[in-house]
């Protein structure tokens, strides 16, 4: 299932700088808008990986996942 987020961006001294409006703490930059999109996706994926690694192992081992429609 695809997820959609709002990328807010602006130009700052020739760089495209942006953040995911729906995901606090995910910021990045790029020399072009396409590069910013790639970099913001990398930043999002790194954040997701770090969140999963931050859980204690005992909790991770007991976790289960199901898909729900929102």
N, C-alpha and C. Protein backbone atom coordinates (compact mmCIF):
# COMPACT_ATOMS: atom_id res chain seq x y z
N UNK A 1 0.85 -1.17 0.00
CA UNK A 1 0.00 0.00 0.00
C UNK A 1 0.90 1.24 0.00
N UNK A 2 0.63 2.14 -0.90
CA UNK A 2 1.42 3.37 -1.01
C UNK A 2 1.00 4.35 0.08
N UNK A 3 1.97 5.09 0.57
CA UNK A 3 1.72 6.16 1.53
C UNK A 3 1.97 7.47 0.83
N UNK A 4 1.20 8.46 1.14
CA UNK A 4 1.36 9.78 0.54
C UNK A 4 1.56 10.81 1.64
N UNK A 5 2.57 11.66 1.45
CA UNK A 5 2.88 12.72 2.40
C UNK A 5 2.99 14.03 1.64
N UNK A 6 2.86 15.11 2.36
CA UNK A 6 3.01 16.44 1.78
C UNK A 6 4.44 16.92 1.99
N UNK A 7 5.12 17.23 0.89
CA UNK A 7 6.48 17.77 0.96
C UNK A 7 6.38 19.28 0.83
N UNK A 8 6.72 19.97 1.90
CA UNK A 8 6.80 21.44 1.85
C UNK A 8 8.25 21.79 1.54
N UNK A 9 8.47 22.69 0.59
CA UNK A 9 9.85 23.03 0.25
C UNK A 9 9.97 24.51 -0.09
N UNK A 10 11.22 24.98 -0.03
CA UNK A 10 11.53 26.37 -0.33
C UNK A 10 12.96 26.44 -0.84
N UNK A 11 13.31 27.54 -1.46
CA UNK A 11 14.67 27.76 -1.93
C UNK A 11 15.43 28.55 -0.87
N UNK A 12 16.64 28.09 -0.57
CA UNK A 12 17.49 28.76 0.41
C UNK A 12 18.91 28.79 -0.14
N UNK A 13 19.33 29.95 -0.59
CA UNK A 13 20.66 30.15 -1.16
C UNK A 13 20.95 29.15 -2.28
N UNK A 14 19.96 28.95 -3.15
CA UNK A 14 20.13 28.09 -4.31
C UNK A 14 19.85 26.61 -4.06
N UNK A 15 19.53 26.23 -2.84
CA UNK A 15 19.22 24.84 -2.50
C UNK A 15 17.73 24.69 -2.26
N UNK A 16 17.19 23.55 -2.68
CA UNK A 16 15.82 23.20 -2.34
C UNK A 16 15.86 22.52 -0.97
N UNK A 17 15.17 23.10 -0.03
CA UNK A 17 15.12 22.59 1.34
C UNK A 17 13.67 22.23 1.63
N UNK A 18 13.46 21.09 2.28
CA UNK A 18 12.08 20.69 2.51
C UNK A 18 11.91 19.80 3.72
N UNK A 19 10.62 19.60 4.04
CA UNK A 19 10.26 18.73 5.16
C UNK A 19 8.98 18.00 4.80
N UNK A 20 8.79 16.85 5.41
CA UNK A 20 7.53 16.15 5.28
C UNK A 20 6.58 16.72 6.32
N UNK A 21 5.56 17.39 5.85
CA UNK A 21 4.63 18.08 6.74
C UNK A 21 3.94 17.10 7.69
N UNK A 22 3.69 15.88 7.22
CA UNK A 22 2.94 14.89 8.00
C UNK A 22 3.81 14.06 8.93
N UNK A 23 5.14 14.20 8.82
CA UNK A 23 6.05 13.37 9.62
C UNK A 23 7.08 14.30 10.29
N UNK A 24 6.84 14.66 11.55
CA UNK A 24 7.76 15.58 12.22
C UNK A 24 9.20 15.07 12.24
N UNK A 25 10.13 15.97 11.98
CA UNK A 25 11.54 15.65 12.07
C UNK A 25 12.19 15.17 10.79
N UNK A 26 11.44 15.05 9.70
CA UNK A 26 12.03 14.60 8.44
C UNK A 26 12.26 15.81 7.55
N UNK A 27 13.53 16.23 7.48
CA UNK A 27 13.97 17.36 6.68
C UNK A 27 15.09 16.90 5.76
N UNK A 28 15.29 17.58 4.64
CA UNK A 28 16.43 17.31 3.78
C UNK A 28 16.61 18.48 2.81
N UNK A 29 17.57 18.32 1.90
CA UNK A 29 17.82 19.35 0.91
C UNK A 29 18.38 18.71 -0.35
N UNK A 30 18.41 19.47 -1.43
CA UNK A 30 18.97 18.98 -2.68
C UNK A 30 19.23 20.15 -3.62
N UNK A 31 20.08 19.93 -4.59
CA UNK A 31 20.38 20.98 -5.55
C UNK A 31 19.24 21.17 -6.54
N UNK A 32 18.41 20.13 -6.72
CA UNK A 32 17.23 20.22 -7.58
C UNK A 32 16.03 19.68 -6.80
N UNK A 33 14.84 19.93 -7.31
CA UNK A 33 13.65 19.41 -6.66
C UNK A 33 13.64 17.88 -6.69
N UNK A 34 14.09 17.29 -7.77
CA UNK A 34 14.16 15.81 -7.86
C UNK A 34 15.13 15.25 -6.82
N UNK A 35 16.27 15.91 -6.65
CA UNK A 35 17.24 15.46 -5.66
C UNK A 35 16.66 15.60 -4.25
N UNK A 36 15.94 16.68 -4.00
CA UNK A 36 15.28 16.84 -2.70
C UNK A 36 14.30 15.70 -2.45
N UNK A 37 13.50 15.35 -3.46
CA UNK A 37 12.54 14.24 -3.31
C UNK A 37 13.26 12.94 -2.95
N UNK A 38 14.36 12.65 -3.63
CA UNK A 38 15.13 11.43 -3.34
C UNK A 38 15.70 11.48 -1.92
N UNK A 39 16.25 12.64 -1.54
CA UNK A 39 16.87 12.77 -0.23
C UNK A 39 15.84 12.72 0.90
N UNK A 40 14.67 13.28 0.68
CA UNK A 40 13.64 13.26 1.72
C UNK A 40 13.13 11.84 1.91
N UNK A 41 13.06 11.06 0.83
CA UNK A 41 12.66 9.66 0.94
C UNK A 41 13.71 8.87 1.74
N UNK A 42 14.99 9.13 1.47
CA UNK A 42 16.06 8.49 2.24
C UNK A 42 15.96 8.85 3.72
N UNK A 43 15.73 10.13 4.01
CA UNK A 43 15.61 10.57 5.40
C UNK A 43 14.43 9.89 6.09
N UNK A 44 13.32 9.77 5.39
CA UNK A 44 12.14 9.10 5.95
C UNK A 44 12.45 7.63 6.24
N UNK A 45 13.06 6.95 5.29
CA UNK A 45 13.38 5.53 5.48
C UNK A 45 14.37 5.32 6.63
N UNK A 46 15.36 6.20 6.78
CA UNK A 46 16.29 6.10 7.90
C UNK A 46 15.57 6.30 9.23
N UNK A 47 14.64 7.24 9.27
CA UNK A 47 13.90 7.48 10.50
C UNK A 47 13.07 6.26 10.89
N UNK A 48 12.42 5.63 9.91
CA UNK A 48 11.61 4.45 10.16
C UNK A 48 12.49 3.32 10.70
N UNK A 49 13.65 3.10 10.09
CA UNK A 49 14.57 2.06 10.55
C UNK A 49 15.04 2.32 11.97
N UNK A 50 15.38 3.57 12.28
CA UNK A 50 15.85 3.91 13.63
C UNK A 50 14.75 3.71 14.66
N UNK A 51 13.51 4.05 14.32
CA UNK A 51 12.40 3.84 15.24
C UNK A 51 12.24 2.37 15.58
N UNK A 52 12.34 1.50 14.58
CA UNK A 52 12.20 0.06 14.82
C UNK A 52 13.36 -0.47 15.66
N UNK A 53 14.57 0.02 15.42
CA UNK A 53 15.73 -0.43 16.17
C UNK A 53 15.71 0.07 17.61
N UNK A 54 15.02 1.18 17.87
CA UNK A 54 14.99 1.75 19.21
C UNK A 54 14.12 0.94 20.17
N UNK A 55 13.22 0.13 19.65
CA UNK A 55 12.38 -0.69 20.52
C UNK A 55 13.23 -1.76 21.19
N UNK A 56 13.00 -2.00 22.47
CA UNK A 56 13.73 -3.10 23.12
C UNK A 56 13.43 -4.42 22.41
N UNK A 57 14.41 -5.29 22.36
CA UNK A 57 14.27 -6.56 21.65
C UNK A 57 13.09 -7.37 22.18
N UNK A 58 12.86 -7.36 23.47
CA UNK A 58 11.78 -8.15 24.05
C UNK A 58 10.42 -7.70 23.50
N UNK A 59 10.27 -6.41 23.23
CA UNK A 59 9.02 -5.90 22.65
C UNK A 59 8.95 -6.26 21.18
N UNK A 60 10.07 -6.08 20.45
CA UNK A 60 10.08 -6.40 19.02
C UNK A 60 9.73 -7.86 18.76
N UNK A 61 10.21 -8.76 19.62
CA UNK A 61 9.96 -10.18 19.45
C UNK A 61 8.48 -10.53 19.64
N UNK A 62 7.76 -9.74 20.41
CA UNK A 62 6.35 -10.02 20.69
C UNK A 62 5.40 -9.30 19.74
N UNK A 63 5.92 -8.39 18.95
CA UNK A 63 5.08 -7.58 18.08
C UNK A 63 4.55 -8.39 16.91
N UNK A 64 3.33 -8.09 16.54
CA UNK A 64 2.72 -8.67 15.36
C UNK A 64 2.20 -7.51 14.50
N UNK A 65 2.04 -7.78 13.22
CA UNK A 65 1.54 -6.74 12.32
C UNK A 65 0.36 -7.26 11.53
N UNK A 66 -0.61 -6.40 11.34
CA UNK A 66 -1.71 -6.69 10.45
C UNK A 66 -1.96 -5.45 9.59
N UNK A 67 -2.53 -5.63 8.42
CA UNK A 67 -2.86 -4.49 7.56
C UNK A 67 -4.28 -4.06 7.85
N UNK A 68 -4.47 -2.77 7.98
CA UNK A 68 -5.81 -2.22 8.14
C UNK A 68 -6.03 -1.13 7.13
N UNK A 69 -7.25 -0.95 6.75
CA UNK A 69 -7.59 0.11 5.80
C UNK A 69 -8.06 1.32 6.59
N UNK A 70 -7.50 2.46 6.24
CA UNK A 70 -7.85 3.69 6.93
C UNK A 70 -8.62 4.59 5.99
